Amino acid sequence: MGFIAAVALAPAARAEDLQTFTLELTDHRFDPAELHVPAGKAFFIVVKNNDAAAAEFEMHSPALEKVIQPKSEGRLRVRPLNAGRYKFFDDFHEATTRGEIVAE
């Protein structure tokens, strides 16, 4: 079987099959501040912004960003991560609003 045929037969990760993890943003702090996810698998993060100000969830590696309006939530799809630690923050309140994803 050729490479193209093998790729075509490989199962694709459907959105409904991806695990979802939730972060709550309250008083410019993420809860949990350390999010544990499985390495090597794509997933979703739902960020619930409980604050009265907008927030911007951001990561540099992998590059992700999403503005989340006050009292609302945003959903981000994250590609499969290698085992390791990945920092995230609220770009609008970076001094106090930080966290890490731990892929294991």
N, C-alpha and C. Protein backbone atom coordinates (compact mmCIF):
# COMPACT_ATOMS: atom_id res chain seq x y z
N MET A 1 0.86 -1.17 0.00
CA MET A 1 0.00 0.00 0.00
C MET A 1 0.90 1.23 0.00
N GLY A 2 0.59 2.20 -0.85
CA GLY A 2 1.39 3.41 -0.95
C GLY A 2 1.14 4.34 0.23
N PHE A 3 2.02 5.32 0.37
CA PHE A 3 1.94 6.28 1.47
C PHE A 3 0.60 7.01 1.46
N ILE A 4 0.15 7.45 0.30
CA ILE A 4 -1.10 8.21 0.23
C ILE A 4 -2.28 7.35 0.66
N ALA A 5 -2.29 6.10 0.25
CA ALA A 5 -3.37 5.20 0.64
C ALA A 5 -3.35 4.96 2.15
N ALA A 6 -2.18 4.82 2.73
CA ALA A 6 -2.08 4.59 4.17
C ALA A 6 -2.57 5.80 4.94
N VAL A 7 -2.23 6.99 4.47
CA VAL A 7 -2.69 8.21 5.13
C VAL A 7 -4.21 8.32 5.01
N ALA A 8 -4.75 7.98 3.86
CA ALA A 8 -6.20 8.07 3.65
C ALA A 8 -6.94 7.11 4.57
N LEU A 9 -6.34 5.97 4.91
CA LEU A 9 -6.99 4.99 5.76
C LEU A 9 -6.79 5.26 7.24
N ALA A 10 -5.83 6.13 7.59
CA ALA A 10 -5.58 6.43 9.00
C ALA A 10 -6.80 7.15 9.58
N PRO A 11 -7.23 6.75 10.77
CA PRO A 11 -8.41 7.40 11.36
C PRO A 11 -8.09 8.84 11.74
N ALA A 12 -8.97 9.75 11.38
CA ALA A 12 -8.81 11.15 11.74
C ALA A 12 -9.47 11.40 13.09
N ALA A 13 -8.89 12.29 13.87
CA ALA A 13 -9.48 12.65 15.15
C ALA A 13 -10.66 13.57 14.90
N ARG A 14 -11.84 13.08 15.15
CA ARG A 14 -13.03 13.91 14.95
C ARG A 14 -13.23 14.78 16.18
N ALA A 15 -13.80 15.94 15.96
CA ALA A 15 -14.00 16.89 17.06
C ALA A 15 -14.77 16.26 18.21
N GLU A 16 -15.78 15.47 17.90
CA GLU A 16 -16.59 14.88 18.97
C GLU A 16 -15.84 13.81 19.75
N ASP A 17 -14.69 13.33 19.22
CA ASP A 17 -13.90 12.33 19.91
C ASP A 17 -12.83 12.93 20.81
N LEU A 18 -12.61 14.25 20.73
CA LEU A 18 -11.52 14.88 21.48
C LEU A 18 -11.95 15.18 22.91
N GLN A 19 -11.03 14.94 23.82
CA GLN A 19 -11.28 15.25 25.22
C GLN A 19 -11.28 16.76 25.42
N THR A 20 -12.12 17.25 26.31
CA THR A 20 -12.22 18.67 26.60
C THR A 20 -11.81 18.94 28.04
N PHE A 21 -10.96 19.96 28.21
CA PHE A 21 -10.49 20.38 29.52
C PHE A 21 -10.97 21.82 29.74
N THR A 22 -11.34 22.14 30.97
CA THR A 22 -11.88 23.46 31.26
C THR A 22 -10.97 24.24 32.19
N LEU A 23 -10.75 25.50 31.84
CA LEU A 23 -10.05 26.46 32.70
C LEU A 23 -11.04 27.54 33.09
N GLU A 24 -11.08 27.89 34.36
CA GLU A 24 -11.91 29.00 34.84
C GLU A 24 -10.98 30.18 35.08
N LEU A 25 -11.41 31.34 34.67
CA LEU A 25 -10.65 32.57 34.88
C LEU A 25 -11.46 33.46 35.81
N THR A 26 -10.97 33.63 37.04
CA THR A 26 -11.66 34.42 38.05
C THR A 26 -10.64 35.29 38.78
N ASP A 27 -10.93 36.58 38.90
CA ASP A 27 -10.02 37.53 39.55
C ASP A 27 -8.63 37.47 38.92
N HIS A 28 -8.60 37.35 37.60
CA HIS A 28 -7.35 37.32 36.83
C HIS A 28 -6.43 36.17 37.25
N ARG A 29 -7.02 35.03 37.56
CA ARG A 29 -6.26 33.83 37.90
C ARG A 29 -6.93 32.64 37.22
N PHE A 30 -6.09 31.74 36.68
CA PHE A 30 -6.60 30.52 36.06
C PHE A 30 -6.78 29.44 37.12
N ASP A 31 -7.84 28.68 37.00
CA ASP A 31 -8.08 27.54 37.86
C ASP A 31 -8.53 26.37 36.98
N PRO A 32 -7.77 25.30 36.90
CA PRO A 32 -6.50 25.12 37.59
C PRO A 32 -5.37 25.89 36.89
N ALA A 33 -4.33 26.19 37.63
CA ALA A 33 -3.17 26.88 37.06
C ALA A 33 -2.26 25.88 36.33
N GLU A 34 -2.44 24.59 36.64
CA GLU A 34 -1.68 23.53 35.97
C GLU A 34 -2.68 22.52 35.43
N LEU A 35 -2.73 22.40 34.12
CA LEU A 35 -3.70 21.54 33.44
C LEU A 35 -2.98 20.32 32.89
N HIS A 36 -3.36 19.12 33.34
CA HIS A 36 -2.72 17.88 32.89
C HIS A 36 -3.52 17.28 31.74
N VAL A 37 -2.82 17.00 30.64
CA VAL A 37 -3.44 16.45 29.43
C VAL A 37 -2.61 15.27 28.94
N PRO A 38 -3.21 14.38 28.14
CA PRO A 38 -2.44 13.26 27.59
C PRO A 38 -1.52 13.74 26.46
N ALA A 39 -0.28 13.31 26.50
CA ALA A 39 0.67 13.64 25.43
C ALA A 39 0.26 12.88 24.16
N GLY A 40 0.50 13.50 23.02
CA GLY A 40 0.28 12.84 21.74
C GLY A 40 -1.16 12.81 21.26
N LYS A 41 -2.06 13.51 21.95
CA LYS A 41 -3.47 13.52 21.54
C LYS A 41 -3.99 14.95 21.48
N ALA A 42 -4.70 15.26 20.40
CA ALA A 42 -5.33 16.58 20.29
C ALA A 42 -6.43 16.68 21.33
N PHE A 43 -6.77 17.90 21.73
CA PHE A 43 -7.80 18.11 22.73
C PHE A 43 -8.35 19.53 22.60
N PHE A 44 -9.42 19.78 23.33
CA PHE A 44 -10.00 21.12 23.41
C PHE A 44 -9.75 21.70 24.79
N ILE A 45 -9.60 23.02 24.84
CA ILE A 45 -9.61 23.76 26.10
C ILE A 45 -10.80 24.72 26.01
N VAL A 46 -11.64 24.69 27.03
CA VAL A 46 -12.70 25.68 27.17
C VAL A 46 -12.25 26.62 28.28
N VAL A 47 -12.16 27.90 27.96
CA VAL A 47 -11.78 28.91 28.95
C VAL A 47 -13.03 29.69 29.31
N LYS A 48 -13.43 29.61 30.58
CA LYS A 48 -14.60 30.34 31.07
C LYS A 48 -14.10 31.60 31.76
N ASN A 49 -14.41 32.74 31.18
CA ASN A 49 -13.99 34.02 31.73
C ASN A 49 -15.09 34.53 32.66
N ASN A 50 -14.88 34.39 33.96
CA ASN A 50 -15.85 34.83 34.96
C ASN A 50 -15.64 36.30 35.35
N ASP A 51 -14.61 36.93 34.82
CA ASP A 51 -14.28 38.30 35.18
C ASP A 51 -15.13 39.31 34.40
N ALA A 52 -15.07 40.56 34.86
CA ALA A 52 -15.82 41.64 34.23
C ALA A 52 -15.03 42.28 33.09
N ALA A 53 -13.80 41.82 32.86
CA ALA A 53 -12.95 42.35 31.79
C ALA A 53 -12.65 41.25 30.78
N ALA A 54 -12.42 41.64 29.54
CA ALA A 54 -12.03 40.67 28.51
C ALA A 54 -10.67 40.07 28.85
N ALA A 55 -10.42 38.88 28.35
CA ALA A 55 -9.14 38.19 28.54
C ALA A 55 -8.68 37.67 27.19
N GLU A 56 -7.37 37.48 27.06
CA GLU A 56 -6.84 36.85 25.85
C GLU A 56 -5.98 35.67 26.26
N PHE A 57 -6.55 34.46 26.09
CA PHE A 57 -5.78 33.24 26.35
C PHE A 57 -4.71 33.16 25.28
N GLU A 58 -3.46 32.98 25.71
CA GLU A 58 -2.38 32.93 24.74
C GLU A 58 -1.30 31.94 25.16
N MET A 59 -0.75 31.27 24.14
CA MET A 59 0.41 30.39 24.28
C MET A 59 1.36 30.74 23.14
N HIS A 60 2.66 30.62 23.41
CA HIS A 60 3.64 30.84 22.34
C HIS A 60 3.98 29.54 21.62
N SER A 61 4.01 28.44 22.36
CA SER A 61 4.37 27.16 21.76
C SER A 61 3.46 26.08 22.33
N PRO A 62 2.52 25.56 21.55
CA PRO A 62 2.20 25.97 20.19
C PRO A 62 1.51 27.34 20.20
N ALA A 63 1.57 28.01 19.09
CA ALA A 63 0.99 29.34 18.99
C ALA A 63 -0.54 29.25 19.01
N LEU A 64 -1.14 29.79 20.07
CA LEU A 64 -2.60 29.84 20.22
C LEU A 64 -2.97 31.16 20.86
N GLU A 65 -4.06 31.73 20.43
CA GLU A 65 -4.60 32.90 21.12
C GLU A 65 -6.07 33.05 20.81
N LYS A 66 -6.79 33.52 21.82
CA LYS A 66 -8.23 33.74 21.64
C LYS A 66 -8.69 34.76 22.67
N VAL A 67 -9.35 35.81 22.18
CA VAL A 67 -9.95 36.80 23.07
C VAL A 67 -11.28 36.25 23.56
N ILE A 68 -11.48 36.35 24.87
CA ILE A 68 -12.71 35.85 25.49
C ILE A 68 -13.37 37.02 26.22
N GLN A 69 -14.56 37.33 25.80
CA GLN A 69 -15.28 38.46 26.36
C GLN A 69 -15.66 38.19 27.82
N PRO A 70 -15.94 39.25 28.59
CA PRO A 70 -16.34 39.07 29.99
C PRO A 70 -17.58 38.19 30.11
N LYS A 71 -17.59 37.38 31.15
CA LYS A 71 -18.74 36.53 31.47
C LYS A 71 -19.15 35.62 30.31
N SER A 72 -18.13 35.14 29.58
CA SER A 72 -18.40 34.22 28.47
C SER A 72 -17.29 33.18 28.42
N GLU A 73 -17.32 32.34 27.40
CA GLU A 73 -16.29 31.31 27.29
C GLU A 73 -15.81 31.19 25.86
N GLY A 74 -14.61 30.67 25.72
CA GLY A 74 -14.02 30.42 24.41
C GLY A 74 -13.50 29.00 24.35
N ARG A 75 -13.47 28.45 23.17
CA ARG A 75 -13.04 27.06 22.97
C ARG A 75 -11.88 27.06 21.99
N LEU A 76 -10.82 26.36 22.35
CA LEU A 76 -9.63 26.26 21.50
C LEU A 76 -9.29 24.80 21.27
N ARG A 77 -8.94 24.48 20.05
CA ARG A 77 -8.47 23.13 19.74
C ARG A 77 -6.95 23.16 19.79
N VAL A 78 -6.37 22.22 20.52
CA VAL A 78 -4.92 22.15 20.69
C VAL A 78 -4.43 20.89 19.99
N ARG A 79 -3.43 21.07 19.16
CA ARG A 79 -2.85 19.93 18.43
C ARG A 79 -2.17 18.99 19.43
N PRO A 80 -1.87 17.76 19.02
CA PRO A 80 -1.17 16.84 19.93
C PRO A 80 0.15 17.44 20.38
N LEU A 81 0.41 17.36 21.67
CA LEU A 81 1.64 17.90 22.26
C LEU A 81 2.58 16.77 22.65
N ASN A 82 3.86 17.00 22.48
CA ASN A 82 4.86 16.07 23.01
C ASN A 82 4.83 16.20 24.53
N ALA A 83 5.31 15.17 25.23
CA ALA A 83 5.39 15.24 26.69
C ALA A 83 6.23 16.47 27.07
N GLY A 84 5.73 17.21 28.04
CA GLY A 84 6.45 18.40 28.48
C GLY A 84 5.50 19.41 29.09
N ARG A 85 6.05 20.61 29.35
CA ARG A 85 5.30 21.70 29.97
C ARG A 85 5.16 22.84 28.98
N TYR A 86 3.97 23.42 28.91
CA TYR A 86 3.67 24.48 27.96
C TYR A 86 2.99 25.63 28.70
N LYS A 87 3.61 26.78 28.70
CA LYS A 87 3.09 27.94 29.44
C LYS A 87 1.96 28.62 28.67
N PHE A 88 0.96 29.10 29.42
CA PHE A 88 -0.11 29.91 28.85
C PHE A 88 -0.35 31.09 29.78
N PHE A 89 -1.04 32.12 29.27
CA PHE A 89 -1.27 33.33 30.06
C PHE A 89 -2.42 34.13 29.45
N ASP A 90 -2.88 35.10 30.22
CA ASP A 90 -3.86 36.07 29.72
C ASP A 90 -3.04 37.27 29.27
N ASP A 91 -2.98 37.51 27.98
CA ASP A 91 -2.14 38.57 27.43
C ASP A 91 -2.56 39.96 27.93
N PHE A 92 -3.81 40.11 28.37
CA PHE A 92 -4.27 41.40 28.88
C PHE A 92 -3.88 41.62 30.34
N HIS A 93 -3.55 40.55 31.05
CA HIS A 93 -3.20 40.62 32.48
C HIS A 93 -2.05 39.65 32.76
N GLU A 94 -1.01 39.74 31.98
CA GLU A 94 0.06 38.74 32.00
C GLU A 94 0.80 38.65 33.34
N ALA A 95 0.88 39.75 34.07
CA ALA A 95 1.63 39.74 35.33
C ALA A 95 1.04 38.78 36.35
N THR A 96 -0.28 38.61 36.35
CA THR A 96 -0.92 37.78 37.37
C THR A 96 -1.58 36.52 36.82
N THR A 97 -1.83 36.48 35.54
CA THR A 97 -2.65 35.40 34.99
C THR A 97 -1.81 34.48 34.13
N ARG A 98 -1.25 33.45 34.78
CA ARG A 98 -0.37 32.51 34.09
C ARG A 98 -0.72 31.08 34.51
N GLY A 99 -0.31 30.14 33.66
CA GLY A 99 -0.50 28.74 33.98
C GLY A 99 0.34 27.87 33.06
N GLU A 100 0.22 26.57 33.23
CA GLU A 100 0.97 25.62 32.40
C GLU A 100 0.10 24.42 32.05
N ILE A 101 0.28 23.95 30.84
CA ILE A 101 -0.26 22.67 30.43
C ILE A 101 0.86 21.65 30.59
N VAL A 102 0.55 20.55 31.24
CA VAL A 102 1.52 19.46 31.42
C VAL A 102 1.01 18.29 30.58
N ALA A 103 1.74 17.99 29.52
CA ALA A 103 1.40 16.85 28.66
C ALA A 103 2.21 15.66 29.15
N GLU A 104 1.50 14.56 29.49
CA GLU A 104 2.20 13.38 30.03
C GLU A 104 1.57 12.10 29.54
